[in-house]
Amino acid sequence: MAKDKAPVTPAIRQLRAAGVTFTDHVYAYEEKGGTAVSARELGVDEHCVVKTLIMEDEAKRPLIVLMHGDRQVSTKELARVMGVKSVSPCSPDTANRHSGYQVGGTSPFGTRHAMPVYMEESILGLPRIYINGGKRGYLVGLDPCEACRLLDPILVRVAI
């Protein structure tokens, strides 16, 4: 796919401004398909597809969690690590409001509001990750160290 046909989102603007080298991957989005569909469409291991989850603690403070596509987040363990009572996924409307992106197209880059980012530590061990570029059906491929440099995440071990 030609680079000029990929969408230009706030995420892409942030990546370009930071000088990050990335590849564009546009695919046919399927409602409720999740990372299994994007991995299949891109022909990559679902473990390398990183999902961006917008969650909140019991005080409704939003946060971003980056997790392998084939894993789930232990919200109980994440809450323990954060030192809060509970963590839960935001409703789609709340997630959209915090991130500025539509659920299914949420990128950790270029969010509407700054939020703390928690990244599953083992993501950094991957040679390349595929993460949402800010639109449904659009991932960007990049070095996980670049994502770490831009997002300055708190590394955690909360995968189940």
Protein backbone atom coordinates (compact mmCIF):
# COMPACT_ATOMS: atom_id res chain seq x y z
CA MET A 1 0.00 0.00 0.00
CA ALA A 2 1.29 3.45 -0.86
CA LYS A 3 2.20 5.55 2.15
CA ASP A 4 0.18 8.54 0.86
CA LYS A 5 -3.05 6.49 1.07
CA ALA A 6 -2.74 5.87 4.80
CA PRO A 7 -4.77 8.16 7.06
CA VAL A 8 -3.13 11.11 8.76
CA THR A 9 -4.31 11.06 12.36
CA PRO A 10 -3.08 12.84 15.51
CA ALA A 11 -1.08 9.63 16.22
CA ILE A 12 0.68 9.83 12.85
CA ARG A 13 1.41 13.52 13.35
CA GLN A 14 3.03 12.75 16.72
CA LEU A 15 5.09 9.87 15.29
CA ARG A 16 6.31 12.00 12.38
CA ALA A 17 7.11 14.97 14.63
CA ALA A 18 9.21 12.67 16.84
CA GLY A 19 11.08 11.26 13.84
CA VAL A 20 9.84 7.71 14.40
CA THR A 21 10.30 5.29 11.52
CA PHE A 22 7.12 3.26 11.04
CA THR A 23 5.24 1.30 8.42
CA ASP A 24 1.56 1.72 7.51
CA HIS A 25 -0.76 -1.28 7.56
CA VAL A 26 -4.33 -0.72 6.38
CA TYR A 27 -6.71 -3.68 6.57
CA ALA A 28 -10.43 -4.45 6.37
CA TYR A 29 -11.77 -3.69 9.86
CA GLU A 30 -14.29 -6.14 11.32
CA GLU A 31 -16.56 -5.03 14.15
CA LYS A 32 -15.64 -6.91 17.36
CA GLY A 33 -12.83 -8.69 15.47
CA GLY A 34 -10.08 -7.38 17.72
CA THR A 35 -6.42 -8.20 17.34
CA ALA A 36 -7.15 -11.67 15.92
CA VAL A 37 -8.52 -10.05 12.76
CA SER A 38 -5.75 -7.48 12.39
CA ALA A 39 -3.07 -10.15 12.95
CA ARG A 40 -4.71 -12.40 10.36
CA GLU A 41 -5.08 -9.58 7.85
CA LEU A 42 -1.47 -8.43 8.30
CA GLY A 43 -0.10 -11.98 8.42
CA VAL A 44 1.67 -11.42 11.76
CA ASP A 45 1.64 -13.17 15.14
CA GLU A 46 -1.19 -11.83 17.33
CA HIS A 47 1.32 -11.59 20.20
CA CYS A 48 3.04 -8.75 18.25
CA VAL A 49 -0.19 -6.81 17.78
CA VAL A 50 -0.46 -4.45 20.75
CA LYS A 51 -3.88 -3.35 21.88
CA THR A 52 -4.46 0.07 23.41
CA LEU A 53 -6.94 -0.10 26.28
CA ILE A 54 -8.43 2.93 28.01
CA MET A 55 -9.18 2.12 31.62
CA GLU A 56 -9.92 4.04 34.80
CA ASP A 57 -9.34 3.63 38.50
CA GLU A 58 -12.04 3.84 41.17
CA ALA A 59 -11.73 7.65 41.20
CA LYS A 60 -12.48 7.67 37.43
CA ARG A 61 -8.88 8.74 36.58
CA PRO A 62 -8.16 7.48 33.06
CA LEU A 63 -5.09 5.51 32.03
CA ILE A 64 -3.79 3.64 29.00
CA VAL A 65 -2.76 -0.01 29.10
CA LEU A 66 -0.72 -1.52 26.25
CA MET A 67 -1.09 -5.29 26.08
CA HIS A 68 -0.23 -8.13 23.71
CA GLY A 69 -3.16 -8.92 21.44
CA ASP A 70 -3.34 -12.53 22.61
CA ARG A 71 -3.33 -11.68 26.33
CA GLN A 72 -5.73 -10.08 28.80
CA VAL A 73 -5.03 -7.56 31.56
CA SER A 74 -5.33 -8.67 35.17
CA THR A 75 -7.10 -5.56 36.44
CA LYS A 76 -6.65 -6.82 40.01
CA GLU A 77 -2.86 -7.05 39.56
CA LEU A 78 -2.75 -3.68 37.74
CA ALA A 79 -4.66 -2.02 40.61
CA ARG A 80 -2.19 -3.56 43.09
CA VAL A 81 0.80 -2.27 41.09
CA MET A 82 -0.79 1.20 40.84
CA GLY A 83 -1.69 1.29 44.53
CA VAL A 84 -5.41 1.84 43.89
CA LYS A 85 -8.49 -0.12 44.92
CA SER A 86 -9.66 -1.07 41.44
CA VAL A 87 -9.11 -0.61 37.73
CA SER A 88 -11.73 -1.29 35.07
CA PRO A 89 -12.21 -0.68 31.35
CA CYS A 90 -13.92 2.58 30.44
CA SER A 91 -17.21 2.53 28.59
CA PRO A 92 -16.74 3.14 24.86
CA ASP A 93 -18.11 6.71 25.14
CA THR A 94 -15.81 7.53 28.05
CA ALA A 95 -12.81 5.98 26.27
CA ASN A 96 -13.59 8.02 23.15
CA ARG A 97 -13.86 11.19 25.22
CA HIS A 98 -10.48 10.64 26.94
CA SER A 99 -8.54 9.46 23.91
CA GLY A 100 -10.16 11.40 21.08
CA TYR A 101 -10.32 8.15 19.12
CA GLN A 102 -13.18 5.79 18.34
CA VAL A 103 -12.96 2.45 20.18
CA GLY A 104 -11.43 -0.02 17.73
CA GLY A 105 -9.19 2.76 16.43
CA THR A 106 -7.58 3.91 19.68
CA SER A 107 -3.91 4.79 19.50
CA PRO A 108 -1.71 5.59 22.51
CA PHE A 109 -0.11 8.36 20.43
CA GLY A 110 -1.70 11.77 19.97
CA THR A 111 -4.47 11.29 22.53
CA ARG A 112 -6.83 14.16 23.29
CA HIS A 113 -5.85 14.13 26.97
CA ALA A 114 -2.52 13.09 28.47
CA MET A 115 -2.90 9.90 30.49
CA PRO A 116 -0.40 7.67 32.27
CA VAL A 117 0.61 4.70 30.13
CA TYR A 118 1.18 1.21 31.52
CA MET A 119 2.95 -1.18 29.15
CA GLU A 120 3.27 -4.93 29.57
CA GLU A 121 7.02 -5.32 30.05
CA SER A 122 7.44 -8.23 27.63
CA ILE A 123 6.33 -6.03 24.71
CA LEU A 124 9.82 -4.51 24.77
CA GLY A 125 11.26 -7.94 23.99
CA LEU A 126 9.55 -8.08 20.60
CA PRO A 127 11.52 -7.13 17.48
CA ARG A 128 8.56 -5.17 16.05
CA ILE A 129 5.07 -4.26 17.22
CA TYR A 130 1.91 -3.39 15.36
CA ILE A 131 -0.19 -0.82 17.16
CA ASN A 132 -3.22 1.25 16.22
CA GLY A 133 -2.51 4.35 14.18
CA GLY A 134 -5.66 6.19 15.26
CA LYS A 135 -8.29 4.77 12.93
CA ARG A 136 -10.22 1.52 12.68
CA GLY A 137 -8.48 -0.77 10.21
CA TYR A 138 -5.11 0.96 10.48
CA LEU A 139 -2.04 -0.21 12.37
CA VAL A 140 1.52 1.10 12.33
CA GLY A 141 4.53 -1.16 12.65
CA LEU A 142 7.44 0.12 14.71
CA ASP A 143 10.26 -0.76 17.07
CA PRO A 144 8.80 -1.15 20.59
CA CYS A 145 11.69 0.95 21.95
CA GLU A 146 10.38 3.89 19.91
CA ALA A 147 6.94 3.50 21.50
CA CYS A 148 8.66 3.40 24.89
CA ARG A 149 10.65 6.55 24.07
CA LEU A 150 7.54 8.51 23.04
CA LEU A 151 5.11 7.26 25.68
CA ASP A 152 7.46 6.94 28.68
CA PRO A 153 5.30 4.10 30.02
CA ILE A 154 5.35 2.45 33.42
CA LEU A 155 6.43 -1.13 32.71
CA VAL A 156 4.25 -3.75 34.38
CA ARG A 157 3.66 -7.50 34.45
CA VAL A 158 -0.11 -7.82 34.45
CA ALA A 159 -0.79 -10.18 31.51
CA ILE A 160 -2.97 -13.25 31.93
